[in-house]
N, C-alpha and C. Protein backbone atom coordinates (compact mmCIF):
# COMPACT_ATOMS: atom_id res chain seq x y z
N MET A 1 15.04 52.44 32.28
CA MET A 1 15.90 52.79 31.17
C MET A 1 15.06 53.50 30.13
N LYS A 2 15.64 54.54 29.57
CA LYS A 2 14.97 55.30 28.54
C LYS A 2 15.56 54.95 27.18
N ASN A 3 14.78 55.16 26.13
CA ASN A 3 15.29 54.93 24.78
C ASN A 3 16.54 55.74 24.52
N SER A 4 16.62 56.92 25.14
CA SER A 4 17.79 57.77 24.92
C SER A 4 19.06 57.10 25.45
N ASP A 5 18.94 56.24 26.48
CA ASP A 5 20.10 55.51 26.99
C ASP A 5 20.64 54.57 25.94
N VAL A 6 19.75 53.84 25.29
CA VAL A 6 20.16 52.92 24.23
C VAL A 6 20.73 53.72 23.06
N ASP A 7 20.08 54.83 22.73
CA ASP A 7 20.57 55.68 21.64
C ASP A 7 21.96 56.22 21.94
N THR A 8 22.18 56.63 23.17
CA THR A 8 23.50 57.15 23.56
C THR A 8 24.57 56.09 23.40
N VAL A 9 24.30 54.88 23.88
CA VAL A 9 25.27 53.79 23.75
C VAL A 9 25.50 53.47 22.27
N SER A 10 24.43 53.40 21.50
CA SER A 10 24.56 53.11 20.06
C SER A 10 25.39 54.18 19.36
N ASN A 11 25.17 55.43 19.71
CA ASN A 11 25.94 56.52 19.10
C ASN A 11 27.41 56.45 19.48
N LEU A 12 27.70 56.12 20.72
CA LEU A 12 29.09 55.98 21.14
C LEU A 12 29.78 54.84 20.40
N ILE A 13 29.06 53.75 20.22
CA ILE A 13 29.61 52.61 19.49
C ILE A 13 29.89 53.02 18.04
N LYS A 14 28.98 53.76 17.44
CA LYS A 14 29.15 54.20 16.05
C LYS A 14 30.38 55.09 15.89
N THR A 15 30.75 55.83 16.92
CA THR A 15 31.92 56.71 16.84
C THR A 15 33.22 55.92 16.96
N GLY A 16 33.10 54.64 17.27
CA GLY A 16 34.29 53.80 17.35
C GLY A 16 34.83 53.60 18.74
N ILE A 17 34.09 54.00 19.74
CA ILE A 17 34.56 53.81 21.12
C ILE A 17 34.72 52.31 21.41
N ASP A 18 35.74 51.97 22.14
CA ASP A 18 36.01 50.58 22.49
C ASP A 18 35.01 50.13 23.54
N PRO A 19 34.17 49.12 23.23
CA PRO A 19 33.17 48.68 24.21
C PRO A 19 33.78 47.93 25.40
N ASN A 20 35.08 47.69 25.35
CA ASN A 20 35.73 46.95 26.43
C ASN A 20 36.54 47.83 27.37
N ILE A 21 36.39 49.14 27.24
CA ILE A 21 37.10 50.05 28.15
C ILE A 21 36.66 49.75 29.58
N GLN A 22 37.64 49.70 30.47
CA GLN A 22 37.34 49.44 31.88
C GLN A 22 37.49 50.72 32.68
N GLY A 23 36.51 50.96 33.53
CA GLY A 23 36.51 52.15 34.36
C GLY A 23 36.70 51.82 35.82
N TYR A 24 35.88 52.43 36.65
CA TYR A 24 35.94 52.25 38.10
C TYR A 24 35.91 50.77 38.47
N LEU A 25 36.85 50.34 39.28
CA LEU A 25 37.01 48.95 39.70
C LEU A 25 37.22 48.01 38.51
N SER A 26 37.67 48.58 37.39
CA SER A 26 37.93 47.82 36.17
C SER A 26 36.67 47.21 35.57
N ARG A 27 35.54 47.85 35.81
CA ARG A 27 34.27 47.35 35.25
C ARG A 27 34.03 47.93 33.87
N THR A 28 33.39 47.12 33.02
CA THR A 28 33.06 47.54 31.66
C THR A 28 31.60 47.95 31.59
N ALA A 29 31.25 48.58 30.48
CA ALA A 29 29.86 48.97 30.26
C ALA A 29 28.97 47.74 30.24
N LEU A 30 29.48 46.63 29.71
CA LEU A 30 28.70 45.39 29.67
C LEU A 30 28.40 44.89 31.08
N MET A 31 29.35 44.99 31.97
CA MET A 31 29.12 44.59 33.36
C MET A 31 28.03 45.45 33.99
N LEU A 32 28.14 46.76 33.79
CA LEU A 32 27.16 47.67 34.39
C LEU A 32 25.77 47.45 33.81
N ALA A 33 25.69 47.25 32.51
CA ALA A 33 24.39 47.00 31.87
C ALA A 33 23.81 45.67 32.35
N SER A 34 24.66 44.68 32.56
CA SER A 34 24.21 43.36 33.03
C SER A 34 23.67 43.44 34.45
N MET A 35 24.34 44.22 35.29
CA MET A 35 23.89 44.41 36.67
C MET A 35 22.54 45.11 36.71
N SER A 36 22.34 46.02 35.78
CA SER A 36 21.15 46.88 35.79
C SER A 36 20.00 46.37 34.94
N ARG A 37 20.12 45.19 34.39
CA ARG A 37 19.09 44.56 33.56
C ARG A 37 18.74 45.37 32.31
N HIS A 38 19.73 45.98 31.71
CA HIS A 38 19.51 46.76 30.49
C HIS A 38 19.74 45.87 29.28
N LYS A 39 18.74 45.06 28.96
CA LYS A 39 18.84 44.07 27.89
C LYS A 39 19.29 44.66 26.56
N GLU A 40 18.66 45.76 26.15
CA GLU A 40 18.98 46.35 24.85
C GLU A 40 20.41 46.86 24.80
N ILE A 41 20.90 47.38 25.90
CA ILE A 41 22.28 47.86 25.95
C ILE A 41 23.24 46.68 25.95
N VAL A 42 22.92 45.63 26.69
CA VAL A 42 23.74 44.41 26.68
C VAL A 42 23.86 43.90 25.24
N GLU A 43 22.74 43.81 24.56
CA GLU A 43 22.74 43.31 23.18
C GLU A 43 23.55 44.22 22.26
N ALA A 44 23.40 45.53 22.41
CA ALA A 44 24.15 46.47 21.57
C ALA A 44 25.65 46.35 21.81
N LEU A 45 26.04 46.23 23.06
CA LEU A 45 27.47 46.09 23.38
C LEU A 45 28.04 44.78 22.85
N LEU A 46 27.29 43.70 22.98
CA LEU A 46 27.77 42.42 22.46
C LEU A 46 27.88 42.45 20.94
N LYS A 47 26.93 43.11 20.30
CA LYS A 47 26.97 43.25 18.84
C LYS A 47 28.20 44.04 18.42
N ALA A 48 28.65 44.96 19.27
CA ALA A 48 29.84 45.77 19.01
C ALA A 48 31.12 45.08 19.48
N ASN A 49 31.03 43.77 19.74
CA ASN A 49 32.17 42.95 20.15
C ASN A 49 32.66 43.19 21.57
N ALA A 50 31.77 43.56 22.46
CA ALA A 50 32.15 43.63 23.87
C ALA A 50 32.47 42.21 24.33
N ASP A 51 33.53 42.07 25.07
CA ASP A 51 33.98 40.77 25.55
C ASP A 51 33.27 40.43 26.86
N PRO A 52 32.41 39.40 26.86
CA PRO A 52 31.69 39.06 28.09
C PRO A 52 32.55 38.38 29.15
N ASN A 53 33.79 38.07 28.82
CA ASN A 53 34.65 37.35 29.76
C ASN A 53 35.72 38.21 30.42
N ILE A 54 35.69 39.52 30.17
CA ILE A 54 36.62 40.41 30.86
C ILE A 54 36.28 40.40 32.34
N GLU A 55 37.33 40.41 33.17
CA GLU A 55 37.14 40.41 34.62
C GLU A 55 37.43 41.79 35.19
N ASP A 56 36.68 42.14 36.23
CA ASP A 56 36.95 43.39 36.92
C ASP A 56 38.06 43.18 37.95
N LYS A 57 38.32 44.18 38.74
CA LYS A 57 39.39 44.15 39.74
C LYS A 57 39.25 42.96 40.70
N ASN A 58 38.02 42.51 40.92
CA ASN A 58 37.77 41.42 41.87
C ASN A 58 37.54 40.07 41.20
N GLY A 59 37.75 40.00 39.89
CA GLY A 59 37.59 38.74 39.18
C GLY A 59 36.17 38.47 38.71
N ASN A 60 35.29 39.45 38.82
CA ASN A 60 33.90 39.27 38.38
C ASN A 60 33.75 39.58 36.90
N THR A 61 32.82 38.89 36.25
CA THR A 61 32.50 39.14 34.84
C THR A 61 31.05 39.61 34.75
N ALA A 62 30.65 40.01 33.55
CA ALA A 62 29.26 40.42 33.34
C ALA A 62 28.31 39.27 33.71
N LEU A 63 28.69 38.04 33.39
CA LEU A 63 27.86 36.88 33.71
C LEU A 63 27.72 36.71 35.23
N ILE A 64 28.79 36.88 35.93
CA ILE A 64 28.74 36.75 37.40
C ILE A 64 27.80 37.81 37.98
N PHE A 65 27.90 39.04 37.48
CA PHE A 65 27.01 40.09 37.98
C PHE A 65 25.56 39.76 37.67
N ALA A 66 25.28 39.34 36.45
CA ALA A 66 23.89 39.03 36.06
C ALA A 66 23.36 37.83 36.85
N ALA A 67 24.20 36.83 37.07
CA ALA A 67 23.77 35.63 37.78
C ALA A 67 23.64 35.85 39.28
N SER A 68 24.20 36.92 39.79
CA SER A 68 24.14 37.21 41.22
C SER A 68 22.76 37.64 41.68
N TYR A 69 21.92 37.96 40.74
CA TYR A 69 20.56 38.40 41.04
C TYR A 69 19.59 37.33 40.57
N SER A 70 18.43 37.25 41.20
CA SER A 70 17.49 36.18 40.85
C SER A 70 16.20 36.73 40.23
N THR A 71 16.26 37.91 39.67
CA THR A 71 15.05 38.47 39.07
C THR A 71 14.93 38.02 37.62
N LYS A 72 13.71 38.09 37.09
CA LYS A 72 13.46 37.65 35.73
C LYS A 72 14.35 38.36 34.72
N GLY A 73 14.52 39.64 34.86
CA GLY A 73 15.36 40.39 33.94
C GLY A 73 16.79 39.91 33.91
N HIS A 74 17.31 39.53 35.07
CA HIS A 74 18.68 39.05 35.14
C HIS A 74 18.81 37.67 34.51
N GLU A 75 17.80 36.83 34.65
CA GLU A 75 17.85 35.51 34.03
C GLU A 75 17.95 35.63 32.52
N GLU A 76 17.25 36.59 31.95
CA GLU A 76 17.30 36.82 30.51
C GLU A 76 18.69 37.31 30.10
N ILE A 77 19.28 38.17 30.90
CA ILE A 77 20.63 38.67 30.62
C ILE A 77 21.63 37.52 30.68
N VAL A 78 21.48 36.62 31.63
CA VAL A 78 22.36 35.45 31.74
C VAL A 78 22.30 34.65 30.44
N LYS A 79 21.12 34.40 29.93
CA LYS A 79 20.96 33.65 28.69
C LYS A 79 21.64 34.35 27.52
N ILE A 80 21.47 35.65 27.42
CA ILE A 80 22.08 36.43 26.34
C ILE A 80 23.60 36.35 26.43
N LEU A 81 24.14 36.51 27.64
CA LEU A 81 25.58 36.46 27.83
C LEU A 81 26.15 35.08 27.49
N LYS A 82 25.47 34.03 27.94
CA LYS A 82 25.94 32.67 27.65
C LYS A 82 25.93 32.40 26.14
N LYS A 83 24.90 32.87 25.49
CA LYS A 83 24.81 32.70 24.02
C LYS A 83 25.97 33.41 23.33
N ALA A 84 26.45 34.50 23.94
CA ALA A 84 27.56 35.27 23.38
C ALA A 84 28.92 34.71 23.77
N GLY A 85 28.94 33.59 24.49
CA GLY A 85 30.20 32.95 24.84
C GLY A 85 30.71 33.22 26.23
N ALA A 86 29.89 33.82 27.08
CA ALA A 86 30.33 34.06 28.45
C ALA A 86 30.55 32.75 29.18
N LYS A 87 31.60 32.73 30.00
CA LYS A 87 31.95 31.51 30.75
C LYS A 87 31.85 31.76 32.23
């Protein structure tokens, strides 16, 4: 991940974009960032009121995606999501 990725997300949030918009397979930016271990983007989205409990087309949440992996980066994302109220 590059700093420009975080900057891009931050700029989109500043323009008022809804952080809970669902795209392909009804996934949100928070889900994608959680899958990809993008801690700074996860934090920025949560700060912008992204809902960690939105489900995709298959019933998965950002927490489920983060918990599906066993790498150190994903464990940290799981903690961040749980602190934000993910169930």
